[in-house]
N, C-alpha and C. Protein backbone atom coordinates (compact mmCIF):
# COMPACT_ATOMS: atom_id res chain seq x y z
N MET A 1 0.92 -1.23 0.20
CA MET A 1 0.33 0.19 -0.13
C MET A 1 0.75 1.52 0.11
N THR A 2 1.09 2.14 -0.79
CA THR A 2 1.80 2.84 -1.32
C THR A 2 0.61 4.36 0.01
N ARG A 3 1.77 5.11 1.02
CA ARG A 3 1.36 6.07 1.37
C ARG A 3 1.77 7.28 1.07
N LEU A 4 0.23 8.07 1.24
CA LEU A 4 0.87 9.27 0.83
C LEU A 4 0.01 10.70 1.57
N PHE A 5 0.86 11.60 2.39
CA PHE A 5 0.08 12.72 3.08
C PHE A 5 -0.43 13.33 2.01
N ARG A 6 -1.81 13.87 2.35
CA ARG A 6 -2.14 14.67 0.94
C ARG A 6 -2.51 16.05 1.75
N LEU A 7 -2.30 17.01 0.56
CA LEU A 7 -3.51 18.25 1.01
C LEU A 7 -3.62 19.01 0.03
N PRO A 8 -4.99 18.62 0.06
CA PRO A 8 -5.46 19.52 -1.26
C PRO A 8 -5.72 20.74 -1.19
N ALA A 9 -5.90 21.80 -0.54
CA ALA A 9 -5.22 22.77 -0.72
C ALA A 9 -4.32 23.91 -1.14
N ALA A 10 -3.27 22.55 -1.78
CA ALA A 10 -2.49 23.17 -1.99
C ALA A 10 -2.57 23.83 -3.24
N VAL A 11 -2.05 24.88 -3.86
CA VAL A 11 -1.71 25.46 -5.33
C VAL A 11 -0.06 25.88 -5.49
N GLY A 12 -0.18 26.21 -6.78
CA GLY A 12 0.95 26.04 -7.62
C GLY A 12 1.68 27.36 -7.27
N ARG A 13 1.59 28.63 -6.21
CA ARG A 13 2.31 29.97 -5.87
C ARG A 13 1.10 30.02 -4.79
N ASP A 14 1.57 29.87 -3.60
CA ASP A 14 0.68 30.09 -2.61
C ASP A 14 1.60 31.85 -1.75
N PRO A 15 0.59 32.28 -1.89
CA PRO A 15 1.04 34.01 -1.66
C PRO A 15 1.47 33.72 0.35
N ALA A 16 0.53 33.18 0.31
CA ALA A 16 1.48 32.33 2.10
C ALA A 16 2.30 32.18 2.72
N VAL A 17 3.34 31.61 1.22
CA VAL A 17 4.34 31.11 1.93
C VAL A 17 5.37 32.07 1.41
N ASP A 18 4.99 33.15 0.61
CA ASP A 18 6.12 34.21 0.63
C ASP A 18 6.34 34.89 1.61
N ALA A 19 4.67 35.22 2.64
CA ALA A 19 4.69 36.26 3.27
C ALA A 19 5.17 35.52 4.54
N TRP A 20 5.30 34.21 4.75
CA TRP A 20 6.25 33.53 5.94
C TRP A 20 7.34 33.73 6.39
N PHE A 21 8.24 33.99 4.73
CA PHE A 21 9.24 34.15 4.89
C PHE A 21 9.76 35.77 4.42
N ALA A 22 9.08 36.39 4.37
CA ALA A 22 8.76 37.54 4.78
C ALA A 22 8.90 38.33 5.81
N ALA A 23 7.92 37.23 6.91
CA ALA A 23 7.70 38.10 8.39
C ALA A 23 9.27 38.02 8.85
N GLY A 24 8.96 39.58 9.30
CA GLY A 24 9.90 39.94 10.25
C GLY A 24 11.18 40.34 9.49
N ASP A 25 12.65 40.94 10.25
CA ASP A 25 13.70 39.96 9.78
C ASP A 25 14.86 39.03 10.86
N ASP A 26 13.97 37.27 10.11
CA ASP A 26 14.35 36.02 10.92
C ASP A 26 15.82 35.98 10.02
N GLU A 27 16.51 35.79 10.20
CA GLU A 27 17.52 35.64 9.65
C GLU A 27 17.59 33.88 9.40
N VAL A 28 16.71 32.71 10.65
CA VAL A 28 16.91 31.47 10.20
C VAL A 28 15.62 31.25 9.45
N ARG A 29 14.49 31.91 9.04
CA ARG A 29 13.55 31.86 8.04
C ARG A 29 14.40 31.93 6.57
N GLY A 30 15.55 33.24 6.79
CA GLY A 30 16.08 33.21 5.35
C GLY A 30 16.74 32.13 4.65
N SER A 31 17.83 31.31 6.38
CA SER A 31 18.32 30.19 5.99
C SER A 31 17.69 29.32 5.40
N VAL A 32 16.67 28.86 4.90
CA VAL A 32 15.47 28.20 4.43
C VAL A 32 15.33 28.43 3.49
N ARG A 33 14.86 29.27 2.70
CA ARG A 33 14.33 29.71 1.92
C ARG A 33 15.59 29.04 0.69
N PRO A 34 16.68 29.10 0.46
CA PRO A 34 16.84 28.56 -0.95
C PRO A 34 16.69 27.11 -0.71
N TRP A 35 16.55 26.71 0.60
CA TRP A 35 16.26 25.11 0.64
C TRP A 35 14.81 24.72 -0.62
N PHE A 36 13.71 25.94 0.39
CA PHE A 36 12.54 25.60 0.01
C PHE A 36 12.18 26.26 -1.62
N GLU A 37 13.23 27.16 -2.05
CA GLU A 37 12.87 27.65 -4.07
C GLU A 37 13.41 25.80 -4.03
N ARG A 38 14.79 25.47 -4.02
CA ARG A 38 15.35 24.13 -4.69
C ARG A 38 13.81 23.23 -4.66
N MET A 39 12.81 23.07 -3.45
CA MET A 39 11.93 21.99 -3.59
C MET A 39 10.88 22.82 -4.89
N ARG A 40 10.25 23.96 -4.90
CA ARG A 40 9.90 24.60 -5.48
C ARG A 40 10.19 24.52 -6.98
N ALA A 41 11.49 24.52 -7.73
CA ALA A 41 11.90 24.17 -8.79
C ALA A 41 11.79 22.75 -9.63
N CYS A 42 11.96 21.62 -8.47
CA CYS A 42 11.77 19.97 -8.76
C CYS A 42 11.12 19.93 -9.94
N GLY A 43 10.23 20.28 -10.39
CA GLY A 43 9.13 20.21 -11.76
C GLY A 43 8.19 20.88 -11.64
N PRO A 44 7.33 21.26 -12.58
CA PRO A 44 6.00 21.80 -12.85
C PRO A 44 4.75 21.45 -12.04
N ASP A 45 4.92 20.01 -11.73
CA ASP A 45 3.56 19.75 -10.53
C ASP A 45 3.83 20.48 -9.33
N VAL A 46 5.39 20.99 -9.40
CA VAL A 46 5.14 21.89 -7.51
C VAL A 46 4.25 22.52 -7.22
N CYS A 47 3.74 21.49 -5.59
CA CYS A 47 2.32 23.17 -5.51
C CYS A 47 3.07 22.90 -4.19
N GLU A 48 1.98 23.78 -3.94
CA GLU A 48 2.63 24.31 -2.01
C GLU A 48 1.90 25.11 -1.25
N LEU A 49 1.53 25.13 -0.15
CA LEU A 49 0.51 26.22 1.52
C LEU A 49 1.62 26.12 2.46
N LEU A 50 0.87 26.72 3.56
CA LEU A 50 1.76 26.45 4.59
C LEU A 50 0.76 25.47 5.51
N HIS A 51 1.38 24.46 5.65
CA HIS A 51 0.88 23.50 6.70
C HIS A 51 1.33 23.49 7.92
N ASP A 52 0.27 23.47 9.12
CA ASP A 52 0.93 23.66 10.19
C ASP A 52 2.17 24.98 10.50
N GLY A 53 1.33 25.49 10.20
CA GLY A 53 2.02 27.28 10.16
C GLY A 53 3.55 27.54 9.13
N HIS A 54 4.37 26.12 8.31
CA HIS A 54 5.07 26.42 8.12
C HIS A 54 4.84 25.73 6.09
N PRO A 55 5.89 26.59 5.34
CA PRO A 55 6.16 26.00 3.84
C PRO A 55 5.97 24.50 3.50
N THR A 56 5.35 24.09 2.69
CA THR A 56 5.66 22.49 2.82
C THR A 56 5.71 22.39 1.15
N ALA A 57 6.26 21.49 0.48
CA ALA A 57 5.80 21.24 -0.71
C ALA A 57 5.51 20.82 -0.94
N CYS A 58 4.61 19.68 -2.63
CA CYS A 58 3.93 19.60 -2.63
C CYS A 58 4.21 18.65 -4.32
N VAL A 59 3.77 17.48 -4.57
CA VAL A 59 4.03 16.96 -6.04
C VAL A 59 2.68 16.49 -5.86
N GLY A 60 2.14 17.79 -6.60
CA GLY A 60 0.37 17.98 -6.97
C GLY A 60 0.01 18.26 -5.37
N ASP A 61 -1.02 17.42 -5.00
CA ASP A 61 -1.22 17.60 -3.41
C ASP A 61 -0.59 16.22 -2.33
N ALA A 62 0.63 15.99 -2.87
CA ALA A 62 1.16 15.10 -1.79
C ALA A 62 2.28 15.57 -1.37
N ALA A 63 2.60 15.90 -0.35
CA ALA A 63 3.65 16.63 0.31
C ALA A 63 4.74 16.14 0.33
N PHE A 64 5.94 16.84 -0.26
CA PHE A 64 7.43 15.57 0.15
C PHE A 64 8.35 16.55 0.84
N GLY A 65 8.07 17.48 1.11
CA GLY A 65 9.33 18.33 1.55
C GLY A 65 8.66 19.70 2.47
N TYR A 66 9.46 20.27 3.30
CA TYR A 66 8.84 21.47 4.19
C TYR A 66 10.08 21.74 4.65
N VAL A 67 10.27 22.95 4.75
CA VAL A 67 11.10 23.75 5.75
C VAL A 67 10.69 24.17 6.86
N ASN A 68 11.20 24.87 8.31
CA ASN A 68 10.77 25.26 9.63
C ASN A 68 11.66 25.98 10.16
N ALA A 69 11.35 27.10 10.78
CA ALA A 69 13.03 27.77 11.65
C ALA A 69 12.60 27.61 12.95
N PHE A 70 13.29 27.53 14.14
CA PHE A 70 12.92 27.54 15.12
C PHE A 70 13.81 28.77 15.96
N SER A 71 14.52 29.06 16.64
CA SER A 71 14.86 30.43 17.40
C SER A 71 16.41 29.47 16.98
N ALA A 72 17.45 28.68 17.54
CA ALA A 72 18.41 28.25 16.99
C ALA A 72 18.73 27.49 16.24
N HIS A 73 17.80 27.02 15.24
CA HIS A 73 17.75 26.10 14.08
C HIS A 73 16.63 26.13 13.41
N ALA A 74 17.20 25.68 12.13
CA ALA A 74 16.03 25.18 11.37
C ALA A 74 15.77 24.05 10.76
N ASN A 75 14.81 23.58 9.79
CA ASN A 75 15.14 22.07 9.53
C ASN A 75 14.72 22.12 8.33
N VAL A 76 14.85 21.31 7.98
CA VAL A 76 14.64 20.80 5.65
C VAL A 76 14.19 19.16 6.18
N GLY A 77 12.40 19.18 5.84
CA GLY A 77 12.22 17.94 6.30
C GLY A 77 11.41 17.30 5.00
N PHE A 78 11.16 15.39 5.51
CA PHE A 78 10.98 15.17 4.08
C PHE A 78 9.40 14.30 4.93
N PHE A 79 8.55 14.62 4.22
CA PHE A 79 7.22 13.46 4.69
C PHE A 79 7.76 11.81 4.40
N GLN A 80 8.36 11.51 3.61
CA GLN A 80 8.53 10.29 2.98
C GLN A 80 10.13 9.90 3.50
N GLY A 81 11.14 10.41 4.36
CA GLY A 81 12.55 10.98 5.06
C GLY A 81 13.06 9.24 4.83
N ALA A 82 11.83 8.57 5.48
CA ALA A 82 12.35 7.75 6.23
C ALA A 82 12.94 6.28 4.93
N ALA A 83 12.90 6.66 3.68
CA ALA A 83 12.61 5.85 2.52
C ALA A 83 13.99 6.37 1.62
N LEU A 84 14.50 7.78 2.28
CA LEU A 84 15.31 8.65 1.08
C LEU A 84 16.42 7.50 1.68
N ASP A 85 17.38 7.51 0.19
CA ASP A 85 19.04 7.11 0.51
C ASP A 85 19.81 8.33 1.36
N ASP A 86 20.95 8.01 1.82
CA ASP A 86 21.07 9.34 2.51
C ASP A 86 23.10 9.15 3.19
N PRO A 87 23.49 8.61 2.22
CA PRO A 87 25.08 8.76 2.39
C PRO A 87 25.84 9.90 3.21
N ALA A 88 25.58 10.61 2.86
CA ALA A 88 26.31 12.07 4.36
C ALA A 88 25.55 11.70 5.44
N GLY A 89 24.35 10.94 5.81
CA GLY A 89 24.03 10.86 7.51
C GLY A 89 23.23 12.15 8.14
N LEU A 90 22.84 12.50 7.08
CA LEU A 90 22.30 14.00 7.56
C LEU A 90 20.69 14.13 7.98
N LEU A 91 20.23 12.79 7.53
CA LEU A 91 19.15 13.27 8.10
C LEU A 91 18.67 12.51 9.55
N GLU A 92 17.85 13.13 10.37
CA GLU A 92 17.51 13.21 11.78
C GLU A 92 16.04 12.14 12.17
N GLY A 93 15.70 11.96 12.83
CA GLY A 93 14.52 11.32 13.01
C GLY A 93 14.31 10.07 13.03
N ALA A 94 13.50 9.08 14.45
CA ALA A 94 13.08 8.18 14.50
C ALA A 94 11.81 7.67 14.27
N GLY A 95 10.95 8.54 13.46
CA GLY A 95 9.45 7.86 13.41
C GLY A 95 9.65 7.23 12.35
N LYS A 96 8.37 6.49 11.57
CA LYS A 96 7.84 5.97 10.79
C LYS A 96 8.46 6.12 9.27
N TRP A 97 7.86 7.54 8.89
CA TRP A 97 8.13 7.90 7.56
C TRP A 97 9.28 9.11 7.78
N MET A 98 8.22 10.17 8.85
CA MET A 98 9.08 11.81 8.02
C MET A 98 10.73 11.80 9.16
N ARG A 99 11.49 12.83 8.26
CA ARG A 99 12.90 13.07 8.85
C ARG A 99 13.19 14.38 8.26
N HIS A 100 13.88 14.74 9.09
CA HIS A 100 14.69 16.32 8.47
C HIS A 100 16.08 16.20 8.58
N VAL A 101 16.74 17.45 8.29
CA VAL A 101 18.27 17.89 7.84
C VAL A 101 18.15 18.71 8.97
N LYS A 102 18.54 19.03 9.99
CA LYS A 102 19.11 20.08 10.65
C LYS A 102 19.98 20.92 10.38
N LEU A 103 19.80 22.04 10.47
CA LEU A 103 20.53 23.52 9.95
C LEU A 103 20.93 24.17 10.97
N ARG A 104 22.46 24.08 12.12
CA ARG A 104 22.38 24.78 12.54
C ARG A 104 23.50 26.32 12.63
N TRP A 105 23.64 26.96 13.42
CA TRP A 105 23.85 28.44 12.82
C TRP A 105 25.44 27.75 13.29
N GLY A 106 26.92 28.62 12.84
CA GLY A 106 27.87 27.97 12.20
C GLY A 106 28.01 26.48 12.22
N HIS A 107 27.80 25.74 11.40
CA HIS A 107 27.84 24.29 11.28
C HIS A 107 27.19 24.49 9.82
N PRO A 108 28.35 24.21 8.74
CA PRO A 108 27.95 23.79 7.15
C PRO A 108 27.52 23.44 7.08
N VAL A 109 26.36 22.77 6.01
CA VAL A 109 26.18 21.86 5.80
C VAL A 109 26.04 21.08 4.33
N ASP A 110 25.84 19.90 4.29
CA ASP A 110 26.97 19.65 2.86
C ASP A 110 25.79 19.59 1.66
N ALA A 111 25.76 21.12 1.01
CA ALA A 111 24.76 21.36 -0.12
C ALA A 111 24.43 20.61 -0.64
N ALA A 112 25.54 19.54 -1.50
CA ALA A 112 25.32 18.62 -2.12
C ALA A 112 24.39 17.73 -1.86
N ALA A 113 24.62 16.97 -0.73
CA ALA A 113 23.93 15.74 -0.29
C ALA A 113 22.18 16.44 0.15
N LEU A 114 22.31 17.66 0.23
CA LEU A 114 20.98 17.24 0.91
C LEU A 114 19.94 18.29 -0.61
N ASN A 115 20.59 18.91 -0.70
CA ASN A 115 20.23 18.73 -2.55
C ASN A 115 19.94 17.82 -2.81
N ASP A 116 20.75 16.51 -2.95
CA ASP A 116 20.32 15.31 -3.79
C ASP A 116 18.78 14.70 -2.90
N LEU A 117 19.07 15.25 -1.32
CA LEU A 117 17.82 14.43 -0.57
C LEU A 117 16.41 15.43 -1.17
N ILE A 118 16.46 16.42 -1.10
CA ILE A 118 15.29 17.36 -2.10
C ILE A 118 15.21 16.21 -3.67
N ALA A 119 15.97 16.06 -4.45
CA ALA A 119 15.41 15.99 -5.29
C ALA A 119 14.78 14.74 -5.54
N GLN A 120 15.91 14.02 -4.53
CA GLN A 120 15.29 11.83 -4.07
C GLN A 120 13.61 12.39 -3.79
N ALA A 121 13.36 12.76 -3.12
CA ALA A 121 11.97 13.38 -1.88
C ALA A 121 10.95 13.61 -3.13
N TYR A 122 11.17 14.50 -3.83
CA TYR A 122 10.37 14.90 -5.07
C TYR A 122 9.95 13.96 -5.94
N ARG A 123 11.10 12.48 -6.20
CA ARG A 123 10.87 11.52 -7.09
C ARG A 123 10.60 10.56 -6.41
N ASP A 124 10.42 10.51 -5.22
CA ASP A 124 10.18 9.70 -4.71
C ASP A 124 8.50 9.54 -4.50
N VAL A 125 7.83 10.76 -4.18
CA VAL A 125 6.74 10.51 -3.78
C VAL A 125 5.90 11.02 -5.38
N GLY A 126 6.27 11.29 -6.88
CA GLY A 126 6.27 11.20 -8.09
C GLY A 126 5.70 9.41 -8.37
N LEU A 127 6.32 8.99 -7.93
CA LEU A 127 6.50 7.47 -8.03
C LEU A 127 5.60 6.96 -7.24
N ARG A 128 5.35 7.37 -5.85
CA ARG A 128 4.08 6.44 -5.01
C ARG A 128 2.85 7.37 -5.67
N LEU A 129 2.86 8.24 -6.28
CA LEU A 129 1.78 8.63 -7.21
C LEU A 129 1.10 8.03 -8.59
N ASP A 130 2.50 8.06 -8.65
CA ASP A 130 2.00 6.88 -10.15
C ASP A 130 1.36 5.10 -9.63
N GLY A 131 2.51 5.02 -8.96
CA GLY A 131 1.42 3.51 -7.89
C GLY A 131 0.66 3.79 -7.53
N SER A 132 -0.07 4.46 -7.36
CA SER A 132 -1.44 5.10 -6.58
C SER A 132 -2.93 4.74 -8.11
N SER A 133 -2.84 4.37 -8.65
CA SER A 133 -2.96 5.21 -9.29
C SER A 133 -4.39 4.27 -10.26
């Protein structure tokens, strides 16, 4: 059985997502914007919305990734993260499906590995959608 987290309110470009990034002078939010832009650029079928208060990217209406900002770190997360190949060991979390990459101030991130995780997450959800019809 294919498990997908569906968000039917997702749209091509949600102004609420841009407003989230523009809110205040928040460097932590700014640090995850490039990663969300990477999610947006994965394909023409990427939709988005604010889910639980943070930007979430979907393939159609099936969520594949999100970003969130906290006071001391930011997360780039994946709804099917447990299924992703992570040779760089960036993913954290012990849930059944979700995983995230924690970005901390002063700690560089392996950008190539994180870009690969985003691309994998997009492809994985697309394949799950293809298999669910």
